[in-house]
Amino acid sequence: MKKLTGPAILILCLLFVSVGAYGASNKCRVVEVEEKKLLLECERDTSQFKTGDQVKIKSMRKSAAVEGC
């Protein structure tokens, strides 16, 4: 019984963590900017987002210069 309890608890913990980390994602670009409002155009269907949802926006990063010999 002890041999089965450890792996069972581990599997349950992994399932709990994986479900909690799920979030909607989509690649979008800014179409229009007006003071505090952004108008975004997205690649995929936006049905997973609803009015009033909070979103996290990551801007494009500039790549560092590559130094050569």
PDB file of N, CA and C in Angstrom:
ATOM      1  N   MET A   1       0.821  -1.193   0.000  1.00  0.00           N
ATOM      2  CA  MET A   1       0.000   0.000   0.000  1.00  0.00           C
ATOM      3  C   MET A   1       0.865   1.258   0.000  1.00  0.00           C
ATOM      4  N   LYS A   2       1.960   1.249   0.761  1.00  0.00           N
ATOM      5  CA  LYS A   2       2.841   2.415   0.817  1.00  0.00           C
ATOM      6  C   LYS A   2       3.490   2.671  -0.538  1.00  0.00           C
ATOM      7  N   LYS A   3       3.748   1.610  -1.296  1.00  0.00           N
ATOM      8  CA  LYS A   3       4.390   1.765  -2.599  1.00  0.00           C
ATOM      9  C   LYS A   3       3.461   2.451  -3.603  1.00  0.00           C
ATOM     10  N   LEU A   4       2.176   2.307  -3.439  1.00  0.00           N
ATOM     11  CA  LEU A   4       1.222   2.924  -4.360  1.00  0.00           C
ATOM     12  C   LEU A   4       0.820   4.338  -3.936  1.00  0.00           C
ATOM     13  N   THR A   5       0.913   4.639  -2.681  1.00  0.00           N
ATOM     14  CA  THR A   5       0.474   5.937  -2.172  1.00  0.00           C
ATOM     15  C   THR A   5       1.356   7.075  -2.683  1.00  0.00           C
ATOM     16  N   GLY A   6       2.658   6.900  -2.661  1.00  0.00           N
ATOM     17  CA  GLY A   6       3.593   7.944  -3.109  1.00  0.00           C
ATOM     18  C   GLY A   6       3.377   8.337  -4.564  1.00  0.00           C
ATOM     19  N   PRO A   7       3.409   7.371  -5.502  1.00  0.00           N
ATOM     20  CA  PRO A   7       3.175   7.730  -6.906  1.00  0.00           C
ATOM     21  C   PRO A   7       1.774   8.296  -7.157  1.00  0.00           C
ATOM     22  N   ALA A   8       0.772   7.811  -6.432  1.00  0.00           N
ATOM     23  CA  ALA A   8      -0.590   8.324  -6.612  1.00  0.00           C
ATOM     24  C   ALA A   8      -0.667   9.792  -6.203  1.00  0.00           C
ATOM     25  N   ILE A   9      -0.043  10.147  -5.097  1.00  0.00           N
ATOM     26  CA  ILE A   9      -0.033  11.542  -4.648  1.00  0.00           C
ATOM     27  C   ILE A   9       0.745  12.410  -5.632  1.00  0.00           C
ATOM     28  N   LEU A  10       1.851  11.904  -6.148  1.00  0.00           N
ATOM     29  CA  LEU A  10       2.648  12.641  -7.124  1.00  0.00           C
ATOM     30  C   LEU A  10       1.834  12.924  -8.386  1.00  0.00           C
ATOM     31  N   ILE A  11       1.123  11.932  -8.878  1.00  0.00           N
ATOM     32  CA  ILE A  11       0.306  12.108 -10.084  1.00  0.00           C
ATOM     33  C   ILE A  11      -0.801  13.132  -9.840  1.00  0.00           C
ATOM     34  N   LEU A  12      -1.450  13.065  -8.691  1.00  0.00           N
ATOM     35  CA  LEU A  12      -2.502  14.028  -8.372  1.00  0.00           C
ATOM     36  C   LEU A  12      -1.950  15.451  -8.290  1.00  0.00           C
ATOM     37  N   CYS A  13      -0.772  15.607  -7.704  1.00  0.00           N
ATOM     38  CA  CYS A  13      -0.149  16.934  -7.613  1.00  0.00           C
ATOM     39  C   CYS A  13       0.194  17.474  -8.999  1.00  0.00           C
ATOM     40  N   LEU A  14       0.727  16.624  -9.866  1.00  0.00           N
ATOM     41  CA  LEU A  14       1.066  17.050 -11.222  1.00  0.00           C
ATOM     42  C   LEU A  14      -0.179  17.457 -12.001  1.00  0.00           C
ATOM     43  N   LEU A  15      -1.256  16.707 -11.848  1.00  0.00           N
ATOM     44  CA  LEU A  15      -2.506  17.062 -12.521  1.00  0.00           C
ATOM     45  C   LEU A  15      -3.043  18.395 -12.017  1.00  0.00           C
ATOM     46  N   PHE A  16      -2.969  18.612 -10.722  1.00  0.00           N
ATOM     47  CA  PHE A  16      -3.461  19.856 -10.134  1.00  0.00           C
ATOM     48  C   PHE A  16      -2.663  21.047 -10.653  1.00  0.00           C
ATOM     49  N   VAL A  17      -1.350  20.925 -10.710  1.00  0.00           N
ATOM     50  CA  VAL A  17      -0.491  22.017 -11.172  1.00  0.00           C
ATOM     51  C   VAL A  17      -0.704  22.277 -12.659  1.00  0.00           C
ATOM     52  N   SER A  18      -0.837  21.229 -13.470  1.00  0.00           N
ATOM     53  CA  SER A  18      -0.984  21.424 -14.910  1.00  0.00           C
ATOM     54  C   SER A  18      -2.310  22.085 -15.255  1.00  0.00           C
ATOM     55  N   VAL A  19      -3.376  21.783 -14.545  1.00  0.00           N
ATOM     56  CA  VAL A  19      -4.673  22.407 -14.810  1.00  0.00           C
ATOM     57  C   VAL A  19      -4.657  23.865 -14.371  1.00  0.00           C
ATOM     58  N   GLY A  20      -4.007  24.187 -13.283  1.00  0.00           N
ATOM     59  CA  GLY A  20      -3.949  25.556 -12.782  1.00  0.00           C
ATOM     60  C   GLY A  20      -3.117  26.471 -13.655  1.00  0.00           C
ATOM     61  N   ALA A  21      -2.172  25.935 -14.414  1.00  0.00           N
ATOM     62  CA  ALA A  21      -1.281  26.752 -15.230  1.00  0.00           C
ATOM     63  C   ALA A  21      -1.839  27.014 -16.623  1.00  0.00           C
ATOM     64  N   TYR A  22      -2.975  26.415 -16.961  1.00  0.00           N
ATOM     65  CA  TYR A  22      -3.548  26.595 -18.287  1.00  0.00           C
ATOM     66  C   TYR A  22      -4.110  27.996 -18.446  1.00  0.00           C
ATOM     67  N   GLY A  23      -3.882  28.604 -19.574  1.00  0.00           N
ATOM     68  CA  GLY A  23      -4.437  29.923 -19.856  1.00  0.00           C
ATOM     69  C   GLY A  23      -4.614  30.099 -21.352  1.00  0.00           C
ATOM     70  N   ALA A  24      -5.472  30.989 -21.737  1.00  0.00           N
ATOM     71  CA  ALA A  24      -5.699  31.256 -23.143  1.00  0.00           C
ATOM     72  C   ALA A  24      -4.518  32.043 -23.698  1.00  0.00           C
ATOM     73  N   SER A  25      -4.166  31.774 -24.936  1.00  0.00           N
ATOM     74  CA  SER A  25      -3.083  32.529 -25.557  1.00  0.00           C
ATOM     75  C   SER A  25      -3.399  32.743 -27.033  1.00  0.00           C
ATOM     76  N   ASN A  26      -2.853  33.783 -27.578  1.00  0.00           N
ATOM     77  CA  ASN A  26      -3.063  34.127 -28.967  1.00  0.00           C
ATOM     78  C   ASN A  26      -1.995  35.140 -29.350  1.00  0.00           C
ATOM     79  N   LYS A  27      -1.598  35.154 -30.598  1.00  0.00           N
ATOM     80  CA  LYS A  27      -0.630  36.143 -31.070  1.00  0.00           C
ATOM     81  C   LYS A  27      -1.413  37.264 -31.742  1.00  0.00           C
ATOM     82  N   CYS A  28      -1.212  38.476 -31.239  1.00  0.00           N
ATOM     83  CA  CYS A  28      -1.953  39.638 -31.734  1.00  0.00           C
ATOM     84  C   CYS A  28      -0.989  40.764 -32.070  1.00  0.00           C
ATOM     85  N   ARG A  29      -1.469  41.692 -32.882  1.00  0.00           N
ATOM     86  CA  ARG A  29      -0.686  42.893 -33.161  1.00  0.00           C
ATOM     87  C   ARG A  29      -1.573  44.104 -32.930  1.00  0.00           C
ATOM     88  N   VAL A  30      -0.963  45.201 -32.563  1.00  0.00           N
ATOM     89  CA  VAL A  30      -1.694  46.434 -32.265  1.00  0.00           C
ATOM     90  C   VAL A  30      -2.090  47.097 -33.580  1.00  0.00           C
ATOM     91  N   VAL A  31      -3.375  47.398 -33.728  1.00  0.00           N
ATOM     92  CA  VAL A  31      -3.890  48.051 -34.924  1.00  0.00           C
ATOM     93  C   VAL A  31      -4.076  49.544 -34.687  1.00  0.00           C
ATOM     94  N   GLU A  32      -4.571  49.897 -33.495  1.00  0.00           N
ATOM     95  CA  GLU A  32      -4.863  51.300 -33.198  1.00  0.00           C
ATOM     96  C   GLU A  32      -4.609  51.578 -31.723  1.00  0.00           C
ATOM     97  N   VAL A  33      -4.083  52.768 -31.436  1.00  0.00           N
ATOM     98  CA  VAL A  33      -3.835  53.190 -30.059  1.00  0.00           C
ATOM     99  C   VAL A  33      -4.577  54.502 -29.834  1.00  0.00           C
ATOM    100  N   GLU A  34      -5.360  54.547 -28.745  1.00  0.00           N
ATOM    101  CA  GLU A  34      -6.101  55.766 -28.403  1.00  0.00           C
ATOM    102  C   GLU A  34      -6.048  55.948 -26.893  1.00  0.00           C
ATOM    103  N   GLU A  35      -5.197  56.855 -26.432  1.00  0.00           N
ATOM    104  CA  GLU A  35      -4.962  57.118 -25.012  1.00  0.00           C
ATOM    105  C   GLU A  35      -4.711  55.825 -24.242  1.00  0.00           C
ATOM    106  N   LYS A  36      -5.691  55.351 -23.463  1.00  0.00           N
ATOM    107  CA  LYS A  36      -5.493  54.144 -22.655  1.00  0.00           C
ATOM    108  C   LYS A  36      -6.090  52.897 -23.297  1.00  0.00           C
ATOM    109  N   LYS A  37      -6.484  52.964 -24.557  1.00  0.00           N
ATOM    110  CA  LYS A  37      -7.123  51.828 -25.223  1.00  0.00           C
ATOM    111  C   LYS A  37      -6.265  51.332 -26.378  1.00  0.00           C
ATOM    112  N   LEU A  38      -6.210  50.015 -26.526  1.00  0.00           N
ATOM    113  CA  LEU A  38      -5.515  49.384 -27.642  1.00  0.00           C
ATOM    114  C   LEU A  38      -6.518  48.567 -28.438  1.00  0.00           C
ATOM    115  N   LEU A  39      -6.413  48.605 -29.756  1.00  0.00           N
ATOM    116  CA  LEU A  39      -7.216  47.751 -30.615  1.00  0.00           C
ATOM    117  C   LEU A  39      -6.269  46.703 -31.176  1.00  0.00           C
ATOM    118  N   LEU A  40      -6.545  45.435 -30.877  1.00  0.00           N
ATOM    119  CA  LEU A  40      -5.665  44.346 -31.279  1.00  0.00           C
ATOM    120  C   LEU A  40      -6.312  43.510 -32.374  1.00  0.00           C
ATOM    121  N   GLU A  41      -5.496  43.024 -33.308  1.00  0.00           N
ATOM    122  CA  GLU A  41      -5.949  42.086 -34.325  1.00  0.00           C
ATOM    123  C   GLU A  41      -5.193  40.789 -34.084  1.00  0.00           C
ATOM    124  N   CYS A  42      -5.926  39.693 -33.862  1.00  0.00           N
ATOM    125  CA  CYS A  42      -5.315  38.426 -33.471  1.00  0.00           C
ATOM    126  C   CYS A  42      -5.348  37.407 -34.603  1.00  0.00           C
ATOM    127  N   GLU A  43      -4.406  36.452 -34.565  1.00  0.00           N
ATOM    128  CA  GLU A  43      -4.290  35.422 -35.587  1.00  0.00           C
ATOM    129  C   GLU A  43      -5.406  34.386 -35.501  1.00  0.00           C
ATOM    130  N   ARG A  44      -5.723  33.944 -34.285  1.00  0.00           N
ATOM    131  CA  ARG A  44      -6.700  32.869 -34.108  1.00  0.00           C
ATOM    132  C   ARG A  44      -8.020  33.419 -33.590  1.00  0.00           C
ATOM    133  N   ASP A  45      -8.974  32.527 -33.446  1.00  0.00           N
ATOM    134  CA  ASP A  45     -10.301  32.858 -32.932  1.00  0.00           C
ATOM    135  C   ASP A  45     -10.190  33.452 -31.536  1.00  0.00           C
ATOM    136  N   THR A  46     -10.931  34.497 -31.275  1.00  0.00           N
ATOM    137  CA  THR A  46     -10.862  35.182 -29.984  1.00  0.00           C
ATOM    138  C   THR A  46     -12.016  34.815 -29.064  1.00  0.00           C
ATOM    139  N   SER A  47     -12.705  33.716 -29.333  1.00  0.00           N
ATOM    140  CA  SER A  47     -13.855  33.324 -28.510  1.00  0.00           C
ATOM    141  C   SER A  47     -13.441  32.950 -27.087  1.00  0.00           C
ATOM    142  N   GLN A  48     -12.164  32.635 -26.882  1.00  0.00           N
ATOM    143  CA  GLN A  48     -11.694  32.270 -25.544  1.00  0.00           C
ATOM    144  C   GLN A  48     -11.550  33.491 -24.637  1.00  0.00           C
ATOM    145  N   PHE A  49     -11.588  34.691 -25.209  1.00  0.00           N
ATOM    146  CA  PHE A  49     -11.512  35.928 -24.437  1.00  0.00           C
ATOM    147  C   PHE A  49     -12.897  36.547 -24.333  1.00  0.00           C
ATOM    148  N   LYS A  50     -13.182  37.110 -23.177  1.00  0.00           N
ATOM    149  CA  LYS A  50     -14.474  37.756 -22.960  1.00  0.00           C
ATOM    150  C   LYS A  50     -14.252  39.210 -22.554  1.00  0.00           C
ATOM    151  N   THR A  51     -15.252  40.051 -22.744  1.00  0.00           N
ATOM    152  CA  THR A  51     -15.162  41.454 -22.357  1.00  0.00           C
ATOM    153  C   THR A  51     -14.905  41.559 -20.860  1.00  0.00           C
ATOM    154  N   GLY A  52     -13.908  42.336 -20.490  1.00  0.00           N
ATOM    155  CA  GLY A  52     -13.563  42.515 -19.084  1.00  0.00           C
ATOM    156  C   GLY A  52     -12.458  41.592 -18.601  1.00  0.00           C
ATOM    157  N   ASP A  53     -12.035  40.610 -19.422  1.00  0.00           N
ATOM    158  CA  ASP A  53     -10.937  39.727 -19.029  1.00  0.00           C
ATOM    159  C   ASP A  53      -9.640  40.523 -18.946  1.00  0.00           C
ATOM    160  N   GLN A  54      -8.792  40.148 -18.000  1.00  0.00           N
ATOM    161  CA  GLN A  54      -7.474  40.756 -17.906  1.00  0.00           C
ATOM    162  C   GLN A  54      -6.518  39.946 -18.770  1.00  0.00           C
ATOM    163  N   VAL A  55      -5.655  40.629 -19.494  1.00  0.00           N
ATOM    164  CA  VAL A  55      -4.677  39.966 -20.350  1.00  0.00           C
ATOM    165  C   VAL A  55      -3.284  40.482 -20.019  1.00  0.00           C
ATOM    166  N   LYS A  56      -2.300  39.655 -20.286  1.00  0.00           N
ATOM    167  CA  LYS A  56      -0.906  40.029 -20.086  1.00  0.00           C
ATOM    168  C   LYS A  56      -0.294  40.212 -21.470  1.00  0.00           C
ATOM    169  N   ILE A  57       0.315  41.358 -21.692  1.00  0.00           N
ATOM    170  CA  ILE A  57       0.886  41.665 -22.998  1.00  0.00           C
ATOM    171  C   ILE A  57       2.402  41.655 -22.889  1.00  0.00           C
ATOM    172  N   LYS A  58       3.032  40.880 -23.753  1.00  0.00           N
ATOM    173  CA  LYS A  58       4.492  40.858 -23.833  1.00  0.00           C
ATOM    174  C   LYS A  58       4.881  41.553 -25.133  1.00  0.00           C
ATOM    175  N   SER A  59       5.683  42.590 -25.031  1.00  0.00           N
ATOM    176  CA  SER A  59       6.100  43.311 -26.226  1.00  0.00           C
ATOM    177  C   SER A  59       7.258  42.579 -26.891  1.00  0.00           C
ATOM    178  N   MET A  60       7.472  42.893 -28.161  1.00  0.00           N
ATOM    179  CA  MET A  60       8.577  42.295 -28.900  1.00  0.00           C
ATOM    180  C   MET A  60       9.883  42.817 -28.321  1.00  0.00           C
ATOM    181  N   ARG A  61      10.822  41.938 -28.118  1.00  0.00           N
ATOM    182  CA  ARG A  61      12.127  42.338 -27.580  1.00  0.00           C
ATOM    183  C   ARG A  61      13.102  42.585 -28.716  1.00  0.00           C
ATOM    184  N   LYS A  62      13.921  43.583 -28.520  1.00  0.00           N
ATOM    185  CA  LYS A  62      14.969  43.837 -29.493  1.00  0.00           C
ATOM    186  C   LYS A  62      16.088  42.845 -29.230  1.00  0.00           C
ATOM    187  N   SER A  63      16.578  42.227 -30.291  1.00  0.00           N
ATOM    188  CA  SER A  63      17.651  41.254 -30.106  1.00  0.00           C
ATOM    189  C   SER A  63      18.974  41.982 -29.889  1.00  0.00           C
ATOM    190  N   ALA A  64      19.803  41.393 -29.067  1.00  0.00           N
ATOM    191  CA  ALA A  64      21.109  41.983 -28.763  1.00  0.00           C
ATOM    192  C   ALA A  64      22.027  41.849 -29.977  1.00  0.00           C
ATOM    193  N   ALA A  65      22.932  42.780 -30.107  1.00  0.00           N
ATOM    194  CA  ALA A  65      23.889  42.735 -31.199  1.00  0.00           C
ATOM    195  C   ALA A  65      24.809  41.535 -31.026  1.00  0.00           C
ATOM    196  N   VAL A  66      25.076  40.862 -32.129  1.00  0.00           N
ATOM    197  CA  VAL A  66      25.953  39.694 -32.095  1.00  0.00           C
ATOM    198  C   VAL A  66      27.373  40.166 -32.367  1.00  0.00           C
ATOM    199  N   GLU A  67      28.261  39.845 -31.442  1.00  0.00           N
ATOM    200  CA  GLU A  67      29.652  40.243 -31.610  1.00  0.00           C
ATOM    201  C   GLU A  67      30.430  39.089 -32.227  1.00  0.00           C
ATOM    202  N   GLY A  68      31.209  39.402 -33.207  1.00  0.00           N
ATOM    203  CA  GLY A  68      32.008  38.377 -33.874  1.00  0.00           C
ATOM    204  C   GLY A  68      33.491  38.634 -33.692  1.00  0.00           C
ATOM    205  N   CYS A  69      34.282  37.750 -34.221  1.00  0.00           N
ATOM    206  CA  CYS A  69      35.734  37.887 -34.110  1.00  0.00           C
ATOM    207  C   CYS A  69      36.263  38.892 -35.092  1.00  0.00           C
TER     208      CYS A  69
END
